[in-house]
Amino acid sequence: MKKFDELKKLVTTLEADADKFYNKANSAAGTRVRKGMQDLKNIAQAIRLEIQETKNKEA
């Protein structure tokens, strides 16, 4: 559950930069959003693996 909370926190922090990029054309904010999205992908993959391991232990 710790990784899931980390994922939610990251989405929340990216919201301001996404707003700056899309509404104010701030390209540096776009770079931060892209990096954050890559981090989201990695965290999501880690969560998927954790869930799969837990499922396999129960079976």
N, C-alpha and C. Protein backbone atom coordinates (compact mmCIF):
# COMPACT_ATOMS: atom_id res chain seq x y z
N MET A 1 0.83 -1.19 0.00
CA MET A 1 0.00 0.00 0.00
C MET A 1 0.87 1.25 0.00
N LYS A 2 2.10 1.11 0.47
CA LYS A 2 3.01 2.25 0.52
C LYS A 2 3.29 2.80 -0.88
N LYS A 3 3.50 1.89 -1.83
CA LYS A 3 3.77 2.32 -3.20
C LYS A 3 2.56 2.99 -3.83
N PHE A 4 1.38 2.51 -3.48
CA PHE A 4 0.15 3.10 -4.01
C PHE A 4 -0.01 4.53 -3.50
N ASP A 5 0.30 4.74 -2.23
CA ASP A 5 0.24 6.09 -1.67
C ASP A 5 1.27 6.99 -2.35
N GLU A 6 2.44 6.44 -2.64
CA GLU A 6 3.48 7.19 -3.35
C GLU A 6 3.00 7.60 -4.74
N LEU A 7 2.30 6.69 -5.39
CA LEU A 7 1.75 6.96 -6.72
C LEU A 7 0.73 8.11 -6.67
N LYS A 8 -0.16 8.07 -5.70
CA LYS A 8 -1.16 9.13 -5.56
C LYS A 8 -0.50 10.47 -5.27
N LYS A 9 0.52 10.47 -4.42
CA LYS A 9 1.22 11.71 -4.09
C LYS A 9 1.90 12.29 -5.33
N LEU A 10 2.49 11.44 -6.14
CA LEU A 10 3.17 11.90 -7.35
C LEU A 10 2.18 12.52 -8.33
N VAL A 11 1.03 11.91 -8.49
CA VAL A 11 0.00 12.47 -9.38
C VAL A 11 -0.42 13.86 -8.90
N THR A 12 -0.58 13.99 -7.60
CA THR A 12 -0.97 15.28 -7.03
C THR A 12 0.08 16.35 -7.28
N THR A 13 1.35 15.99 -7.13
CA THR A 13 2.41 16.97 -7.33
C THR A 13 2.56 17.35 -8.80
N LEU A 14 2.21 16.44 -9.70
CA LEU A 14 2.33 16.73 -11.13
C LEU A 14 1.21 17.65 -11.64
N GLU A 15 0.14 17.72 -10.90
CA GLU A 15 -1.02 18.49 -11.35
C GLU A 15 -0.68 19.96 -11.61
N ALA A 16 0.07 20.56 -10.73
CA ALA A 16 0.43 21.98 -10.90
C ALA A 16 1.30 22.19 -12.14
N ASP A 17 2.25 21.30 -12.35
CA ASP A 17 3.11 21.43 -13.54
C ASP A 17 2.33 21.18 -14.82
N ALA A 18 1.39 20.24 -14.78
CA ALA A 18 0.57 19.98 -15.96
C ALA A 18 -0.25 21.23 -16.30
N ASP A 19 -0.79 21.88 -15.30
CA ASP A 19 -1.54 23.12 -15.50
C ASP A 19 -0.65 24.19 -16.11
N LYS A 20 0.56 24.34 -15.59
CA LYS A 20 1.49 25.33 -16.12
C LYS A 20 1.83 25.05 -17.58
N PHE A 21 2.02 23.78 -17.92
CA PHE A 21 2.39 23.43 -19.28
C PHE A 21 1.22 23.66 -20.24
N TYR A 22 0.04 23.14 -19.91
CA TYR A 22 -1.09 23.20 -20.84
C TYR A 22 -1.75 24.58 -20.90
N ASN A 23 -1.79 25.29 -19.79
CA ASN A 23 -2.52 26.56 -19.77
C ASN A 23 -1.63 27.78 -19.89
N LYS A 24 -0.34 27.63 -19.57
CA LYS A 24 0.55 28.79 -19.60
C LYS A 24 1.74 28.59 -20.52
N ALA A 25 1.75 27.48 -21.24
CA ALA A 25 2.79 27.17 -22.23
C ALA A 25 4.20 27.22 -21.63
N ASN A 26 4.34 26.72 -20.41
CA ASN A 26 5.63 26.68 -19.73
C ASN A 26 6.31 25.35 -20.09
N SER A 27 7.30 25.42 -20.97
CA SER A 27 7.91 24.18 -21.46
C SER A 27 8.74 23.47 -20.39
N ALA A 28 9.31 24.19 -19.44
CA ALA A 28 10.04 23.54 -18.35
C ALA A 28 9.09 22.68 -17.51
N ALA A 29 7.89 23.16 -17.32
CA ALA A 29 6.89 22.37 -16.60
C ALA A 29 6.54 21.11 -17.37
N GLY A 30 6.52 21.20 -18.68
CA GLY A 30 6.27 20.02 -19.52
C GLY A 30 7.34 18.96 -19.33
N THR A 31 8.58 19.41 -19.20
CA THR A 31 9.69 18.48 -18.97
C THR A 31 9.51 17.79 -17.61
N ARG A 32 9.12 18.54 -16.60
CA ARG A 32 8.88 17.95 -15.28
C ARG A 32 7.73 16.95 -15.33
N VAL A 33 6.69 17.26 -16.10
CA VAL A 33 5.56 16.35 -16.22
C VAL A 33 6.00 15.06 -16.92
N ARG A 34 6.79 15.18 -17.97
CA ARG A 34 7.27 13.99 -18.68
C ARG A 34 8.10 13.10 -17.76
N LYS A 35 8.98 13.71 -16.97
CA LYS A 35 9.79 12.94 -16.02
C LYS A 35 8.90 12.28 -14.98
N GLY A 36 7.94 13.04 -14.49
CA GLY A 36 7.02 12.49 -13.50
C GLY A 36 6.19 11.34 -14.05
N MET A 37 5.80 11.45 -15.30
CA MET A 37 5.03 10.37 -15.92
C MET A 37 5.88 9.10 -16.05
N GLN A 38 7.16 9.27 -16.32
CA GLN A 38 8.06 8.11 -16.37
C GLN A 38 8.17 7.47 -14.99
N ASP A 39 8.26 8.31 -13.95
CA ASP A 39 8.29 7.80 -12.58
C ASP A 39 6.99 7.07 -12.25
N LEU A 40 5.86 7.62 -12.71
CA LEU A 40 4.56 6.97 -12.50
C LEU A 40 4.55 5.58 -13.12
N LYS A 41 5.07 5.50 -14.32
CA LYS A 41 5.12 4.22 -15.03
C LYS A 41 5.92 3.20 -14.22
N ASN A 42 7.06 3.63 -13.70
CA ASN A 42 7.92 2.72 -12.94
C ASN A 42 7.27 2.28 -11.63
N ILE A 43 6.62 3.22 -10.96
CA ILE A 43 5.94 2.87 -9.71
C ILE A 43 4.77 1.93 -9.99
N ALA A 44 4.02 2.20 -11.05
CA ALA A 44 2.90 1.35 -11.41
C ALA A 44 3.38 -0.07 -11.72
N GLN A 45 4.49 -0.20 -12.39
CA GLN A 45 5.04 -1.52 -12.69
C GLN A 45 5.44 -2.24 -11.40
N ALA A 46 6.05 -1.51 -10.48
CA ALA A 46 6.43 -2.10 -9.20
C ALA A 46 5.20 -2.59 -8.43
N ILE A 47 4.12 -1.80 -8.49
CA ILE A 47 2.88 -2.20 -7.83
C ILE A 47 2.32 -3.46 -8.48
N ARG A 48 2.35 -3.51 -9.80
CA ARG A 48 1.84 -4.68 -10.52
C ARG A 48 2.61 -5.93 -10.10
N LEU A 49 3.93 -5.82 -10.02
CA LEU A 49 4.75 -6.97 -9.62
C LEU A 49 4.46 -7.39 -8.18
N GLU A 50 4.30 -6.41 -7.30
CA GLU A 50 3.99 -6.69 -5.90
C GLU A 50 2.66 -7.43 -5.77
N ILE A 51 1.67 -6.99 -6.52
CA ILE A 51 0.35 -7.63 -6.48
C ILE A 51 0.45 -9.05 -7.02
N GLN A 52 1.17 -9.23 -8.11
CA GLN A 52 1.31 -10.57 -8.69
C GLN A 52 2.02 -11.52 -7.73
N GLU A 53 3.05 -11.03 -7.07
CA GLU A 53 3.76 -11.87 -6.09
C GLU A 53 2.84 -12.27 -4.94
N THR A 54 2.04 -11.33 -4.47
CA THR A 54 1.11 -11.61 -3.38
C THR A 54 0.07 -12.64 -3.82
N LYS A 55 -0.45 -12.49 -5.03
CA LYS A 55 -1.43 -13.44 -5.56
C LYS A 55 -0.82 -14.83 -5.65
N ASN A 56 0.41 -14.92 -6.13
CA ASN A 56 1.05 -16.22 -6.31
C ASN A 56 1.34 -16.90 -4.98
N LYS A 57 1.62 -16.13 -3.95
CA LYS A 57 1.86 -16.71 -2.63
C LYS A 57 0.60 -17.33 -2.06
N GLU A 58 -0.54 -16.70 -2.34
CA GLU A 58 -1.81 -17.19 -1.82
C GLU A 58 -2.29 -18.44 -2.53
N ALA A 59 -1.88 -18.63 -3.77
CA ALA A 59 -2.37 -19.75 -4.57
C ALA A 59 -1.72 -21.05 -4.21
